Amino acid sequence: MLDNDAHPGGDSMAQADSMAAEGSACCAPQAPAYTKLWQGTLTPASPNSPDIATGAYREVIVYLVSFALTNCGDVQARWRPDSSTPYGSVRFDTLDFGARNLVQGSHMKLQLGTGGSCTGSAQYVVAGVL
């Protein structure tokens, strides 16, 4: 049993419970903030997204909205550390769609792997996670 007279701060568990009941922001985890960075369609005729600025974010999530591709390669993310460096100089990876992917540079670009018989289109949304 704690003796609150011996501890000027009182019972620390009671204090924590009291702060939580009052809605104190000290201990509550903050929900991540998402920002839509780009939405568009990749096709064999237009296999690259525009430059997507990612430097202000920890992670990106790439959502597959619609998919109607046949005989195409993977969609990959190409990264660059700054606007004067070519894409692919930092990292070039296959994405984990719908999951958080670590930001690997100041800009990214989605690239559809195309081949001689690649047809169709796929629509994507890229969101940044603060």
C-alpha atoms as a PDB file:
ATOM      1  CA  MET A   1       0.000   0.000   0.000  1.00  0.00           C
ATOM      2  CA  LEU A   2       1.361   3.413  -0.942  1.00  0.00           C
ATOM      3  CA  ASP A   3       1.644   6.114   1.634  1.00  0.00           C
ATOM      4  CA  ASN A   4       0.749   9.319  -0.227  1.00  0.00           C
ATOM      5  CA  ASP A   5       2.016  11.402   2.703  1.00  0.00           C
ATOM      6  CA  ALA A   6       5.481   9.948   2.153  1.00  0.00           C
ATOM      7  CA  HIS A   7       5.350  10.790  -1.573  1.00  0.00           C
ATOM      8  CA  PRO A   8       4.555  14.478  -2.158  1.00  0.00           C
ATOM      9  CA  GLY A   9       3.516  13.725  -5.739  1.00  0.00           C
ATOM     10  CA  GLY A  10       0.902  11.233  -4.572  1.00  0.00           C
ATOM     11  CA  ASP A  11       0.105   7.952  -6.274  1.00  0.00           C
ATOM     12  CA  SER A  12       1.541   8.084  -9.816  1.00  0.00           C
ATOM     13  CA  MET A  13      -1.033   5.581 -11.130  1.00  0.00           C
ATOM     14  CA  ALA A  14      -3.868   7.705  -9.770  1.00  0.00           C
ATOM     15  CA  GLN A  15      -2.326  10.768 -11.419  1.00  0.00           C
ATOM     16  CA  ALA A  16      -2.019   8.982 -14.771  1.00  0.00           C
ATOM     17  CA  ASP A  17      -5.626   7.782 -14.529  1.00  0.00           C
ATOM     18  CA  SER A  18      -6.749  11.298 -13.676  1.00  0.00           C
ATOM     19  CA  MET A  19      -4.841  12.787 -16.644  1.00  0.00           C
ATOM     20  CA  ALA A  20      -6.310  10.195 -19.003  1.00  0.00           C
ATOM     21  CA  ALA A  21      -9.811  10.899 -17.725  1.00  0.00           C
ATOM     22  CA  GLU A  22      -9.269  14.621 -18.327  1.00  0.00           C
ATOM     23  CA  GLY A  23      -8.257  13.921 -21.938  1.00  0.00           C
ATOM     24  CA  SER A  24      -4.635  14.902 -21.510  1.00  0.00           C
ATOM     25  CA  ALA A  25      -2.622  14.724 -24.732  1.00  0.00           C
ATOM     26  CA  CYS A  26       0.477  13.562 -22.906  1.00  0.00           C
ATOM     27  CA  CYS A  27      -0.146   9.880 -23.268  1.00  0.00           C
ATOM     28  CA  ALA A  28      -2.601   9.460 -26.131  1.00  0.00           C
ATOM     29  CA  PRO A  29      -1.061   8.222 -29.380  1.00  0.00           C
ATOM     30  CA  GLN A  30      -1.739  10.524 -32.294  1.00  0.00           C
ATOM     31  CA  ALA A  31      -3.370   9.119 -35.396  1.00  0.00           C
ATOM     32  CA  PRO A  32      -1.211   9.363 -38.526  1.00  0.00           C
ATOM     33  CA  ALA A  33      -2.058  12.147 -40.958  1.00  0.00           C
ATOM     34  CA  TYR A  34      -2.504  11.178 -44.610  1.00  0.00           C
ATOM     35  CA  THR A  35      -2.235  13.523 -47.597  1.00  0.00           C
ATOM     36  CA  LYS A  36      -3.159  12.572 -51.159  1.00  0.00           C
ATOM     37  CA  LEU A  37      -0.068  13.329 -53.249  1.00  0.00           C
ATOM     38  CA  TRP A  38      -1.132  12.005 -56.650  1.00  0.00           C
ATOM     39  CA  GLN A  39      -3.902  10.122 -58.387  1.00  0.00           C
ATOM     40  CA  GLY A  40      -3.612   8.895 -61.932  1.00  0.00           C
ATOM     41  CA  THR A  41      -3.564   6.122 -64.486  1.00  0.00           C
ATOM     42  CA  LEU A  42      -0.580   4.236 -65.891  1.00  0.00           C
ATOM     43  CA  THR A  43      -0.799   2.665 -69.356  1.00  0.00           C
ATOM     44  CA  PRO A  44       1.722   1.248 -71.840  1.00  0.00           C
ATOM     45  CA  ALA A  45       1.557   4.575 -73.712  1.00  0.00           C
ATOM     46  CA  SER A  46       2.013   6.552 -70.469  1.00  0.00           C
ATOM     47  CA  PRO A  47       3.954   4.238 -68.133  1.00  0.00           C
ATOM     48  CA  ASN A  48       5.312   6.882 -65.721  1.00  0.00           C
ATOM     49  CA  SER A  49       3.623   9.067 -63.127  1.00  0.00           C
ATOM     50  CA  PRO A  50       4.690  12.688 -62.867  1.00  0.00           C
ATOM     51  CA  ASP A  51       7.223  13.635 -60.193  1.00  0.00           C
ATOM     52  CA  ILE A  52       5.664  13.106 -56.768  1.00  0.00           C
ATOM     53  CA  ALA A  53       7.219  15.201 -53.969  1.00  0.00           C
ATOM     54  CA  THR A  54       7.722  12.910 -50.969  1.00  0.00           C
ATOM     55  CA  GLY A  55      10.430  14.654 -48.952  1.00  0.00           C
ATOM     56  CA  ALA A  56       8.045  15.942 -46.277  1.00  0.00           C
ATOM     57  CA  TYR A  57       6.721  12.442 -45.470  1.00  0.00           C
ATOM     58  CA  ARG A  58       8.031   9.411 -43.555  1.00  0.00           C
ATOM     59  CA  GLU A  59       6.119   6.892 -45.612  1.00  0.00           C
ATOM     60  CA  VAL A  60       3.906   6.622 -48.663  1.00  0.00           C
ATOM     61  CA  ILE A  61       0.998   4.312 -49.316  1.00  0.00           C
ATOM     62  CA  VAL A  62       0.201   3.390 -52.914  1.00  0.00           C
ATOM     63  CA  TYR A  63      -3.385   2.298 -53.423  1.00  0.00           C
ATOM     64  CA  LEU A  64      -4.446   0.316 -56.468  1.00  0.00           C
ATOM     65  CA  VAL A  65      -7.847   1.735 -57.473  1.00  0.00           C
ATOM     66  CA  SER A  66      -8.495  -0.232 -60.657  1.00  0.00           C
ATOM     67  CA  PHE A  67      -6.490  -2.792 -62.575  1.00  0.00           C
ATOM     68  CA  ALA A  68      -6.976  -3.969 -66.143  1.00  0.00           C
ATOM     69  CA  LEU A  69      -3.439  -4.743 -67.329  1.00  0.00           C
ATOM     70  CA  THR A  70      -2.404  -7.763 -69.361  1.00  0.00           C
ATOM     71  CA  ASN A  71       1.164  -8.980 -70.004  1.00  0.00           C
ATOM     72  CA  CYS A  72       2.752  -6.047 -68.165  1.00  0.00           C
ATOM     73  CA  GLY A  73       5.574  -5.996 -65.646  1.00  0.00           C
ATOM     74  CA  ASP A  74       5.403  -4.810 -62.041  1.00  0.00           C
ATOM     75  CA  VAL A  75       4.735  -1.232 -61.086  1.00  0.00           C
ATOM     76  CA  GLN A  76       7.803   0.039 -59.294  1.00  0.00           C
ATOM     77  CA  ALA A  77       8.788   3.155 -57.392  1.00  0.00           C
ATOM     78  CA  ARG A  78      11.820   5.065 -58.575  1.00  0.00           C
ATOM     79  CA  TRP A  79      13.364   7.458 -56.044  1.00  0.00           C
ATOM     80  CA  ARG A  80      15.794  10.341 -56.209  1.00  0.00           C
ATOM     81  CA  PRO A  81      17.435  12.280 -53.358  1.00  0.00           C
ATOM     82  CA  ASP A  82      16.843  15.757 -54.845  1.00  0.00           C
ATOM     83  CA  SER A  83      15.408  17.423 -57.930  1.00  0.00           C
ATOM     84  CA  SER A  84      18.753  17.540 -59.782  1.00  0.00           C
ATOM     85  CA  THR A  85      19.571  13.814 -59.506  1.00  0.00           C
ATOM     86  CA  PRO A  86      18.213  11.200 -61.939  1.00  0.00           C
ATOM     87  CA  TYR A  87      15.531   8.760 -60.780  1.00  0.00           C
ATOM     88  CA  GLY A  88      16.731   5.345 -59.704  1.00  0.00           C
ATOM     89  CA  SER A  89      19.905   6.703 -58.134  1.00  0.00           C
ATOM     90  CA  VAL A  90      18.584   6.119 -54.606  1.00  0.00           C
ATOM     91  CA  ARG A  91      16.354   3.113 -54.890  1.00  0.00           C
ATOM     92  CA  PHE A  92      14.264   1.197 -57.349  1.00  0.00           C
ATOM     93  CA  ASP A  93      11.776  -1.176 -55.791  1.00  0.00           C
ATOM     94  CA  THR A  94       8.590  -3.070 -56.207  1.00  0.00           C
ATOM     95  CA  LEU A  95       5.957  -1.551 -53.956  1.00  0.00           C
ATOM     96  CA  ASP A  96       3.851  -3.184 -51.304  1.00  0.00           C
ATOM     97  CA  PHE A  97       0.448  -1.840 -52.377  1.00  0.00           C
ATOM     98  CA  GLY A  98      -1.895  -0.709 -49.633  1.00  0.00           C
ATOM     99  CA  ALA A  99       0.897  -0.849 -47.041  1.00  0.00           C
ATOM    100  CA  ARG A 100       3.288   1.765 -45.758  1.00  0.00           C
ATOM    101  CA  ASN A 101       6.460   2.087 -47.812  1.00  0.00           C
ATOM    102  CA  LEU A 102       9.416   4.063 -46.408  1.00  0.00           C
ATOM    103  CA  VAL A 103      10.230   7.234 -48.296  1.00  0.00           C
ATOM    104  CA  GLN A 104      13.629   6.822 -49.956  1.00  0.00           C
ATOM    105  CA  GLY A 105      14.162  10.332 -51.335  1.00  0.00           C
ATOM    106  CA  SER A 106      12.719  13.763 -52.002  1.00  0.00           C
ATOM    107  CA  HIS A 107      10.769  12.591 -55.061  1.00  0.00           C
ATOM    108  CA  MET A 108       9.312   9.370 -56.367  1.00  0.00           C
ATOM    109  CA  LYS A 109       7.855   8.278 -59.648  1.00  0.00           C
ATOM    110  CA  LEU A 110       5.719   5.217 -60.343  1.00  0.00           C
ATOM    111  CA  GLN A 111       6.791   3.253 -63.393  1.00  0.00           C
ATOM    112  CA  LEU A 112       4.848   0.520 -65.144  1.00  0.00           C
ATOM    113  CA  GLY A 113       6.925  -2.317 -66.525  1.00  0.00           C
ATOM    114  CA  THR A 114       5.936  -2.595 -70.161  1.00  0.00           C
ATOM    115  CA  GLY A 115       6.729  -5.188 -72.763  1.00  0.00           C
ATOM    116  CA  GLY A 116       5.836  -5.810 -76.376  1.00  0.00           C
ATOM    117  CA  SER A 117       2.354  -7.123 -75.585  1.00  0.00           C
ATOM    118  CA  CYS A 118       1.451  -5.038 -72.497  1.00  0.00           C
ATOM    119  CA  THR A 119      -2.091  -3.675 -72.752  1.00  0.00           C
ATOM    120  CA  GLY A 120      -4.673  -2.000 -70.531  1.00  0.00           C
ATOM    121  CA  SER A 121      -4.440   0.460 -67.656  1.00  0.00           C
ATOM    122  CA  ALA A 122      -4.234   0.695 -63.883  1.00  0.00           C
ATOM    123  CA  GLN A 123      -5.263   3.591 -61.659  1.00  0.00           C
ATOM    124  CA  TYR A 124      -3.341   4.472 -58.498  1.00  0.00           C
ATOM    125  CA  VAL A 125      -3.505   6.890 -55.585  1.00  0.00           C
ATOM    126  CA  VAL A 126      -0.361   7.837 -53.666  1.00  0.00           C
ATOM    127  CA  ALA A 127      -0.740   9.173 -50.122  1.00  0.00           C
ATOM    128  CA  GLY A 128       1.948  10.575 -47.842  1.00  0.00           C
ATOM    129  CA  VAL A 129       2.057   9.674 -44.146  1.00  0.00           C
ATOM    130  CA  LEU A 130       3.377  12.334 -41.762  1.00  0.00           C
END
